[in-house]
Amino acid sequence: MGVNVLRIDKYLKVSRLIKRRTIANEACDAGRVSVNGKPVKASYDVKTGDIIEIGFGNKTVKARVTAIMDTTKKDAAGDMFELL
């Protein structure tokens, strides 16, 4: 059921790293989301192995993409990434 690439705003929502796609979009627009060390726009295509960093206020979440799925159940969302 996996797909090869997914827009980062949708990936963040499906993986539950960010709860809503609009918020994921705003975080990208504000430059708070970077992939492999470079800031990205919401339309960036995430690939397996990418390192995503998200700035939430004074803390940063860093995760490696382990799987890309279009949809997932809540309890399986954690399988899409590995926190670093």
PDB file of N, CA and C in Angstrom:
ATOM      1  N   MET A   1       0.817  -1.208   0.000  1.00  0.00           N
ATOM      2  CA  MET A   1       0.000   0.000   0.000  1.00  0.00           C
ATOM      3  C   MET A   1       0.857   1.268   0.000  1.00  0.00           C
ATOM      4  N   GLY A   2       2.166   1.109   0.099  1.00  0.00           N
ATOM      5  CA  GLY A   2       3.040   2.271   0.140  1.00  0.00           C
ATOM      6  C   GLY A   2       3.178   2.943  -1.214  1.00  0.00           C
ATOM      7  N   VAL A   3       3.433   4.231  -1.197  1.00  0.00           N
ATOM      8  CA  VAL A   3       3.740   4.973  -2.416  1.00  0.00           C
ATOM      9  C   VAL A   3       5.197   5.414  -2.316  1.00  0.00           C
ATOM     10  N   ASN A   4       5.779   5.834  -3.434  1.00  0.00           N
ATOM     11  CA  ASN A   4       7.206   6.174  -3.426  1.00  0.00           C
ATOM     12  C   ASN A   4       7.485   7.568  -2.880  1.00  0.00           C
ATOM     13  N   VAL A   5       6.649   8.529  -3.275  1.00  0.00           N
ATOM     14  CA  VAL A   5       6.846   9.899  -2.799  1.00  0.00           C
ATOM     15  C   VAL A   5       5.510  10.479  -2.360  1.00  0.00           C
ATOM     16  N   LEU A   6       5.590  11.478  -1.463  1.00  0.00           N
ATOM     17  CA  LEU A   6       4.390  12.126  -0.943  1.00  0.00           C
ATOM     18  C   LEU A   6       4.779  13.557  -0.612  1.00  0.00           C
ATOM     19  N   ARG A   7       3.883  14.502  -0.866  1.00  0.00           N
ATOM     20  CA  ARG A   7       4.159  15.889  -0.472  1.00  0.00           C
ATOM     21  C   ARG A   7       4.429  15.944   1.028  1.00  0.00           C
ATOM     22  N   ILE A   8       5.355  16.805   1.423  1.00  0.00           N
ATOM     23  CA  ILE A   8       5.724  16.828   2.844  1.00  0.00           C
ATOM     24  C   ILE A   8       4.569  17.259   3.741  1.00  0.00           C
ATOM     25  N   ASP A   9       3.716  18.179   3.290  1.00  0.00           N
ATOM     26  CA  ASP A   9       2.600  18.591   4.153  1.00  0.00           C
ATOM     27  C   ASP A   9       1.670  17.409   4.419  1.00  0.00           C
ATOM     28  N   LYS A  10       1.413  16.602   3.388  1.00  0.00           N
ATOM     29  CA  LYS A  10       0.553  15.424   3.576  1.00  0.00           C
ATOM     30  C   LYS A  10       1.274  14.361   4.410  1.00  0.00           C
ATOM     31  N   TYR A  11       2.568  14.175   4.184  1.00  0.00           N
ATOM     32  CA  TYR A  11       3.324  13.182   4.955  1.00  0.00           C
ATOM     33  C   TYR A  11       3.285  13.512   6.448  1.00  0.00           C
ATOM     34  N   LEU A  12       3.488  14.780   6.785  1.00  0.00           N
ATOM     35  CA  LEU A  12       3.485  15.187   8.196  1.00  0.00           C
ATOM     36  C   LEU A  12       2.133  14.916   8.840  1.00  0.00           C
ATOM     37  N   LYS A  13       1.047  15.120   8.080  1.00  0.00           N
ATOM     38  CA  LYS A  13      -0.284  14.860   8.614  1.00  0.00           C
ATOM     39  C   LYS A  13      -0.535  13.357   8.762  1.00  0.00           C
ATOM     40  N   VAL A  14      -0.255  12.578   7.696  1.00  0.00           N
ATOM     41  CA  VAL A  14      -0.524  11.136   7.724  1.00  0.00           C
ATOM     42  C   VAL A  14       0.312  10.451   8.808  1.00  0.00           C
ATOM     43  N   SER A  15       1.569  10.882   8.962  1.00  0.00           N
ATOM     44  CA  SER A  15       2.455  10.268   9.961  1.00  0.00           C
ATOM     45  C   SER A  15       2.152  10.776  11.372  1.00  0.00           C
ATOM     46  N   ARG A  16       1.275  11.794  11.469  1.00  0.00           N
ATOM     47  CA  ARG A  16       0.895  12.412  12.734  1.00  0.00           C
ATOM     48  C   ARG A  16       2.046  13.152  13.419  1.00  0.00           C
ATOM     49  N   LEU A  17       3.085  13.516  12.659  1.00  0.00           N
ATOM     50  CA  LEU A  17       4.133  14.379  13.231  1.00  0.00           C
ATOM     51  C   LEU A  17       3.541  15.771  13.466  1.00  0.00           C
ATOM     52  N   ILE A  18       2.623  16.181  12.576  1.00  0.00           N
ATOM     53  CA  ILE A  18       1.826  17.398  12.762  1.00  0.00           C
ATOM     54  C   ILE A  18       0.381  16.971  12.535  1.00  0.00           C
ATOM     55  N   LYS A  19      -0.512  17.392  13.431  1.00  0.00           N
ATOM     56  CA  LYS A  19      -1.869  16.845  13.401  1.00  0.00           C
ATOM     57  C   LYS A  19      -2.714  17.271  12.203  1.00  0.00           C
ATOM     58  N   ARG A  20      -2.544  18.521  11.727  1.00  0.00           N
ATOM     59  CA  ARG A  20      -3.384  18.984  10.623  1.00  0.00           C
ATOM     60  C   ARG A  20      -2.543  19.452   9.451  1.00  0.00           C
ATOM     61  N   ARG A  21      -3.038  19.189   8.252  1.00  0.00           N
ATOM     62  CA  ARG A  21      -2.288  19.534   7.040  1.00  0.00           C
ATOM     63  C   ARG A  21      -2.111  21.048   6.896  1.00  0.00           C
ATOM     64  N   THR A  22      -3.119  21.826   7.307  1.00  0.00           N
ATOM     65  CA  THR A  22      -2.988  23.285   7.203  1.00  0.00           C
ATOM     66  C   THR A  22      -1.849  23.776   8.091  1.00  0.00           C
ATOM     67  N   ILE A  23      -1.697  23.161   9.264  1.00  0.00           N
ATOM     68  CA  ILE A  23      -0.626  23.556  10.173  1.00  0.00           C
ATOM     69  C   ILE A  23       0.721  23.124   9.594  1.00  0.00           C
ATOM     70  N   ALA A  24       0.761  21.954   8.977  1.00  0.00           N
ATOM     71  CA  ALA A  24       1.988  21.486   8.317  1.00  0.00           C
ATOM     72  C   ALA A  24       2.371  22.458   7.202  1.00  0.00           C
ATOM     73  N   ASN A  25       1.370  22.901   6.458  1.00  0.00           N
ATOM     74  CA  ASN A  25       1.581  23.867   5.383  1.00  0.00           C
ATOM     75  C   ASN A  25       2.164  25.171   5.917  1.00  0.00           C
ATOM     76  N   GLU A  26       1.569  25.687   6.997  1.00  0.00           N
ATOM     77  CA  GLU A  26       2.044  26.935   7.593  1.00  0.00           C
ATOM     78  C   GLU A  26       3.464  26.790   8.127  1.00  0.00           C
ATOM     79  N   ALA A  27       3.769  25.641   8.731  1.00  0.00           N
ATOM     80  CA  ALA A  27       5.120  25.406   9.257  1.00  0.00           C
ATOM     81  C   ALA A  27       6.144  25.429   8.115  1.00  0.00           C
ATOM     82  N   CYS A  28       5.786  24.844   6.976  1.00  0.00           N
ATOM     83  CA  CYS A  28       6.670  24.855   5.804  1.00  0.00           C
ATOM     84  C   CYS A  28       6.860  26.280   5.301  1.00  0.00           C
ATOM     85  N   ASP A  29       5.758  27.023   5.180  1.00  0.00           N
ATOM     86  CA  ASP A  29       5.819  28.406   4.693  1.00  0.00           C
ATOM     87  C   ASP A  29       6.654  29.290   5.612  1.00  0.00           C
ATOM     88  N   ALA A  30       6.616  29.002   6.909  1.00  0.00           N
ATOM     89  CA  ALA A  30       7.364  29.801   7.878  1.00  0.00           C
ATOM     90  C   ALA A  30       8.827  29.372   7.963  1.00  0.00           C
ATOM     91  N   GLY A  31       9.211  28.348   7.203  1.00  0.00           N
ATOM     92  CA  GLY A  31      10.600  27.892   7.213  1.00  0.00           C
ATOM     93  C   GLY A  31      10.966  27.051   8.419  1.00  0.00           C
ATOM     94  N   ARG A  32       9.965  26.482   9.103  1.00  0.00           N
ATOM     95  CA  ARG A  32      10.249  25.678  10.295  1.00  0.00           C
ATOM     96  C   ARG A  32      10.438  24.200   9.987  1.00  0.00           C
ATOM     97  N   VAL A  33      10.278  23.828   8.715  1.00  0.00           N
ATOM     98  CA  VAL A  33      10.457  22.427   8.331  1.00  0.00           C
ATOM     99  C   VAL A  33      11.644  22.329   7.376  1.00  0.00           C
ATOM    100  N   SER A  34      12.596  21.445   7.702  1.00  0.00           N
ATOM    101  CA  SER A  34      13.707  21.234   6.778  1.00  0.00           C
ATOM    102  C   SER A  34      13.904  19.745   6.563  1.00  0.00           C
ATOM    103  N   VAL A  35      14.398  19.403   5.377  1.00  0.00           N
ATOM    104  CA  VAL A  35      14.669  18.017   5.020  1.00  0.00           C
ATOM    105  C   VAL A  35      16.135  17.939   4.626  1.00  0.00           C
ATOM    106  N   ASN A  36      16.857  17.018   5.250  1.00  0.00           N
ATOM    107  CA  ASN A  36      18.287  16.848   4.982  1.00  0.00           C
ATOM    108  C   ASN A  36      19.040  18.170   5.110  1.00  0.00           C
ATOM    109  N   GLY A  37      18.632  18.980   6.100  1.00  0.00           N
ATOM    110  CA  GLY A  37      19.339  20.225   6.388  1.00  0.00           C
ATOM    111  C   GLY A  37      18.921  21.435   5.560  1.00  0.00           C
ATOM    112  N   LYS A  38      17.977  21.282   4.632  1.00  0.00           N
ATOM    113  CA  LYS A  38      17.544  22.417   3.803  1.00  0.00           C
ATOM    114  C   LYS A  38      16.066  22.710   4.058  1.00  0.00           C
ATOM    115  N   PRO A  39      15.718  24.002   4.235  1.00  0.00           N
ATOM    116  CA  PRO A  39      14.297  24.353   4.401  1.00  0.00           C
ATOM    117  C   PRO A  39      13.517  23.960   3.147  1.00  0.00           C
ATOM    118  N   VAL A  40      12.297  23.466   3.332  1.00  0.00           N
ATOM    119  CA  VAL A  40      11.498  23.016   2.180  1.00  0.00           C
ATOM    120  C   VAL A  40      10.117  23.654   2.174  1.00  0.00           C
ATOM    121  N   LYS A  41       9.533  23.721   0.987  1.00  0.00           N
ATOM    122  CA  LYS A  41       8.156  24.184   0.808  1.00  0.00           C
ATOM    123  C   LYS A  41       7.218  22.994   1.014  1.00  0.00           C
ATOM    124  N   ALA A  42       5.924  23.284   1.171  1.00  0.00           N
ATOM    125  CA  ALA A  42       4.923  22.246   1.415  1.00  0.00           C
ATOM    126  C   ALA A  42       4.825  21.256   0.257  1.00  0.00           C
ATOM    127  N   SER A  43       5.248  21.655  -0.937  1.00  0.00           N
ATOM    128  CA  SER A  43       5.124  20.788  -2.113  1.00  0.00           C
ATOM    129  C   SER A  43       6.309  19.832  -2.271  1.00  0.00           C
ATOM    130  N   TYR A  44       7.301  19.915  -1.367  1.00  0.00           N
ATOM    131  CA  TYR A  44       8.471  19.033  -1.459  1.00  0.00           C
ATOM    132  C   TYR A  44       8.050  17.557  -1.379  1.00  0.00           C
ATOM    133  N   ASP A  45       8.610  16.719  -2.252  1.00  0.00           N
ATOM    134  CA  ASP A  45       8.296  15.292  -2.235  1.00  0.00           C
ATOM    135  C   ASP A  45       9.235  14.540  -1.299  1.00  0.00           C
ATOM    136  N   VAL A  46       8.675  13.967  -0.241  1.00  0.00           N
ATOM    137  CA  VAL A  46       9.444  13.207   0.740  1.00  0.00           C
ATOM    138  C   VAL A  46       9.782  11.827   0.168  1.00  0.00           C
ATOM    139  N   LYS A  47      11.003  11.373   0.443  1.00  0.00           N
ATOM    140  CA  LYS A  47      11.414  10.035   0.031  1.00  0.00           C
ATOM    141  C   LYS A  47      11.880   9.251   1.263  1.00  0.00           C
ATOM    142  N   THR A  48      11.841   7.935   1.188  1.00  0.00           N
ATOM    143  CA  THR A  48      12.308   7.098   2.286  1.00  0.00           C
ATOM    144  C   THR A  48      13.779   7.411   2.547  1.00  0.00           C
ATOM    145  N   GLY A  49      14.132   7.557   3.827  1.00  0.00           N
ATOM    146  CA  GLY A  49      15.512   7.861   4.199  1.00  0.00           C
ATOM    147  C   GLY A  49      15.754   9.334   4.448  1.00  0.00           C
ATOM    148  N   ASP A  50      14.835  10.206   4.022  1.00  0.00           N
ATOM    149  CA  ASP A  50      14.978  11.643   4.286  1.00  0.00           C
ATOM    150  C   ASP A  50      14.965  11.903   5.791  1.00  0.00           C
ATOM    151  N   ILE A  51      15.736  12.898   6.222  1.00  0.00           N
ATOM    152  CA  ILE A  51      15.737  13.322   7.623  1.00  0.00           C
ATOM    153  C   ILE A  51      14.934  14.622   7.698  1.00  0.00           C
ATOM    154  N   ILE A  52      13.824  14.583   8.432  1.00  0.00           N
ATOM    155  CA  ILE A  52      12.956  15.754   8.562  1.00  0.00           C
ATOM    156  C   ILE A  52      13.197  16.400   9.918  1.00  0.00           C
ATOM    157  N   GLU A  53      13.355  17.732   9.917  1.00  0.00           N
ATOM    158  CA  GLU A  53      13.459  18.471  11.176  1.00  0.00           C
ATOM    159  C   GLU A  53      12.333  19.486  11.222  1.00  0.00           C
ATOM    160  N   ILE A  54      11.608  19.510  12.347  1.00  0.00           N
ATOM    161  CA  ILE A  54      10.498  20.444  12.512  1.00  0.00           C
ATOM    162  C   ILE A  54      10.735  21.257  13.773  1.00  0.00           C
ATOM    163  N   GLY A  55      10.687  22.570  13.648  1.00  0.00           N
ATOM    164  CA  GLY A  55      10.846  23.440  14.806  1.00  0.00           C
ATOM    165  C   GLY A  55       9.502  23.751  15.423  1.00  0.00           C
ATOM    166  N   PHE A  56       9.304  23.343  16.686  1.00  0.00           N
ATOM    167  CA  PHE A  56       8.093  23.664  17.443  1.00  0.00           C
ATOM    168  C   PHE A  56       8.518  24.596  18.557  1.00  0.00           C
ATOM    169  N   GLY A  57       8.358  25.892  18.379  1.00  0.00           N
ATOM    170  CA  GLY A  57       8.768  26.830  19.423  1.00  0.00           C
ATOM    171  C   GLY A  57      10.232  26.646  19.757  1.00  0.00           C
ATOM    172  N   ASN A  58      10.531  26.238  21.007  1.00  0.00           N
ATOM    173  CA  ASN A  58      11.934  26.094  21.401  1.00  0.00           C
ATOM    174  C   ASN A  58      12.435  24.663  21.316  1.00  0.00           C
ATOM    175  N   LYS A  59      11.604  23.725  20.817  1.00  0.00           N
ATOM    176  CA  LYS A  59      12.123  22.367  20.663  1.00  0.00           C
ATOM    177  C   LYS A  59      12.064  21.941  19.201  1.00  0.00           C
ATOM    178  N   THR A  60      12.958  21.055  18.835  1.00  0.00           N
ATOM    179  CA  THR A  60      13.030  20.578  17.459  1.00  0.00           C
ATOM    180  C   THR A  60      12.817  19.082  17.448  1.00  0.00           C
ATOM    181  N   VAL A  61      11.975  18.619  16.537  1.00  0.00           N
ATOM    182  CA  VAL A  61      11.745  17.192  16.367  1.00  0.00           C
ATOM    183  C   VAL A  61      12.493  16.769  15.108  1.00  0.00           C
ATOM    184  N   LYS A  62      13.286  15.705  15.246  1.00  0.00           N
ATOM    185  CA  LYS A  62      14.064  15.212  14.119  1.00  0.00           C
ATOM    186  C   LYS A  62      13.678  13.761  13.891  1.00  0.00           C
ATOM    187  N   ALA A  63      13.312  13.422  12.654  1.00  0.00           N
ATOM    188  CA  ALA A  63      12.853  12.067  12.365  1.00  0.00           C
ATOM    189  C   ALA A  63      13.344  11.605  10.999  1.00  0.00           C
ATOM    190  N   ARG A  64      13.629  10.304  10.891  1.00  0.00           N
ATOM    191  CA  ARG A  64      14.004   9.709   9.611  1.00  0.00           C
ATOM    192  C   ARG A  64      12.770   9.036   9.025  1.00  0.00           C
ATOM    193  N   VAL A  65      12.520   9.285   7.731  1.00  0.00           N
ATOM    194  CA  VAL A  65      11.381   8.682   7.038  1.00  0.00           C
ATOM    195  C   VAL A  65      11.694   7.211   6.792  1.00  0.00           C
ATOM    196  N   THR A  66      10.857   6.309   7.348  1.00  0.00           N
ATOM    197  CA  THR A  66      11.081   4.876   7.156  1.00  0.00           C
ATOM    198  C   THR A  66      10.064   4.260   6.206  1.00  0.00           C
ATOM    199  N   ALA A  67       8.900   4.902   6.061  1.00  0.00           N
ATOM    200  CA  ALA A  67       7.871   4.392   5.152  1.00  0.00           C
ATOM    201  C   ALA A  67       7.017   5.558   4.688  1.00  0.00           C
ATOM    202  N   ILE A  68       6.490   5.437   3.473  1.00  0.00           N
ATOM    203  CA  ILE A  68       5.618   6.474   2.937  1.00  0.00           C
ATOM    204  C   ILE A  68       4.290   5.819   2.563  1.00  0.00           C
ATOM    205  N   MET A  69       3.225   6.264   3.231  1.00  0.00           N
ATOM    206  CA  MET A  69       1.898   5.721   2.962  1.00  0.00           C
ATOM    207  C   MET A  69       0.925   6.867   2.750  1.00  0.00           C
ATOM    208  N   ASP A  70      -0.024   6.641   1.854  1.00  0.00           N
ATOM    209  CA  ASP A  70      -1.032   7.651   1.550  1.00  0.00           C
ATOM    210  C   ASP A  70      -1.991   7.850   2.715  1.00  0.00           C
ATOM    211  N   THR A  71      -2.358   6.744   3.353  1.00  0.00           N
ATOM    212  CA  THR A  71      -3.232   6.790   4.527  1.00  0.00           C
ATOM    213  C   THR A  71      -2.739   5.729   5.500  1.00  0.00           C
ATOM    214  N   THR A  72      -3.058   5.906   6.765  1.00  0.00           N
ATOM    215  CA  THR A  72      -2.658   4.915   7.762  1.00  0.00           C
ATOM    216  C   THR A  72      -3.566   5.017   8.976  1.00  0.00           C
ATOM    217  N   LYS A  73      -3.647   3.957   9.729  1.00  0.00           N
ATOM    218  CA  LYS A  73      -4.398   3.976  10.983  1.00  0.00           C
ATOM    219  C   LYS A  73      -3.542   4.676  12.045  1.00  0.00           C
ATOM    220  N   LYS A  74      -4.198   5.220  13.037  1.00  0.00           N
ATOM    221  CA  LYS A  74      -3.499   5.993  14.061  1.00  0.00           C
ATOM    222  C   LYS A  74      -2.368   5.199  14.721  1.00  0.00           C
ATOM    223  N   ASP A  75      -2.622   3.938  15.062  1.00  0.00           N
ATOM    224  CA  ASP A  75      -1.598   3.157  15.757  1.00  0.00           C
ATOM    225  C   ASP A  75      -0.451   2.712  14.841  1.00  0.00           C
ATOM    226  N   ALA A  76      -0.641   2.794  13.527  1.00  0.00           N
ATOM    227  CA  ALA A  76       0.433   2.423  12.596  1.00  0.00           C
ATOM    228  C   ALA A  76       1.218   3.644  12.127  1.00  0.00           C
ATOM    229  N   ALA A  77       0.767   4.847  12.471  1.00  0.00           N
ATOM    230  CA  ALA A  77       1.428   6.072  11.999  1.00  0.00           C
ATOM    231  C   ALA A  77       2.879   6.155  12.461  1.00  0.00           C
ATOM    232  N   GLY A  78       3.164   5.654  13.651  1.00  0.00           N
ATOM    233  CA  GLY A  78       4.531   5.690  14.168  1.00  0.00           C
ATOM    234  C   GLY A  78       5.518   4.845  13.380  1.00  0.00           C
ATOM    235  N   ASP A  79       4.996   3.925  12.560  1.00  0.00           N
ATOM    236  CA  ASP A  79       5.874   3.085  11.730  1.00  0.00           C
ATOM    237  C   ASP A  79       6.406   3.843  10.526  1.00  0.00           C
ATOM    238  N   MET A  80       5.879   5.042  10.264  1.00  0.00           N
ATOM    239  CA  MET A  80       6.296   5.814   9.093  1.00  0.00           C
ATOM    240  C   MET A  80       7.600   6.561   9.317  1.00  0.00           C
ATOM    241  N   PHE A  81       8.019   6.686  10.574  1.00  0.00           N
ATOM    242  CA  PHE A  81       9.237   7.421  10.860  1.00  0.00           C
ATOM    243  C   PHE A  81       9.935   6.858  12.091  1.00  0.00           C
ATOM    244  N   GLU A  82      11.185   7.280  12.264  1.00  0.00           N
ATOM    245  CA  GLU A  82      11.973   6.867  13.420  1.00  0.00           C
ATOM    246  C   GLU A  82      12.543   8.153  14.014  1.00  0.00           C
ATOM    247  N   LEU A  83      12.221   8.427  15.266  1.00  0.00           N
ATOM    248  CA  LEU A  83      12.726   9.648  15.901  1.00  0.00           C
ATOM    249  C   LEU A  83      14.227   9.540  16.136  1.00  0.00           C
ATOM    250  N   LEU A  84      14.934  10.640  15.890  1.00  0.00           N
ATOM    251  CA  LEU A  84      16.394  10.635  16.058  1.00  0.00           C
ATOM    252  C   LEU A  84      16.809  11.452  17.262  1.00  0.00           C
TER     253      LEU A  84
END
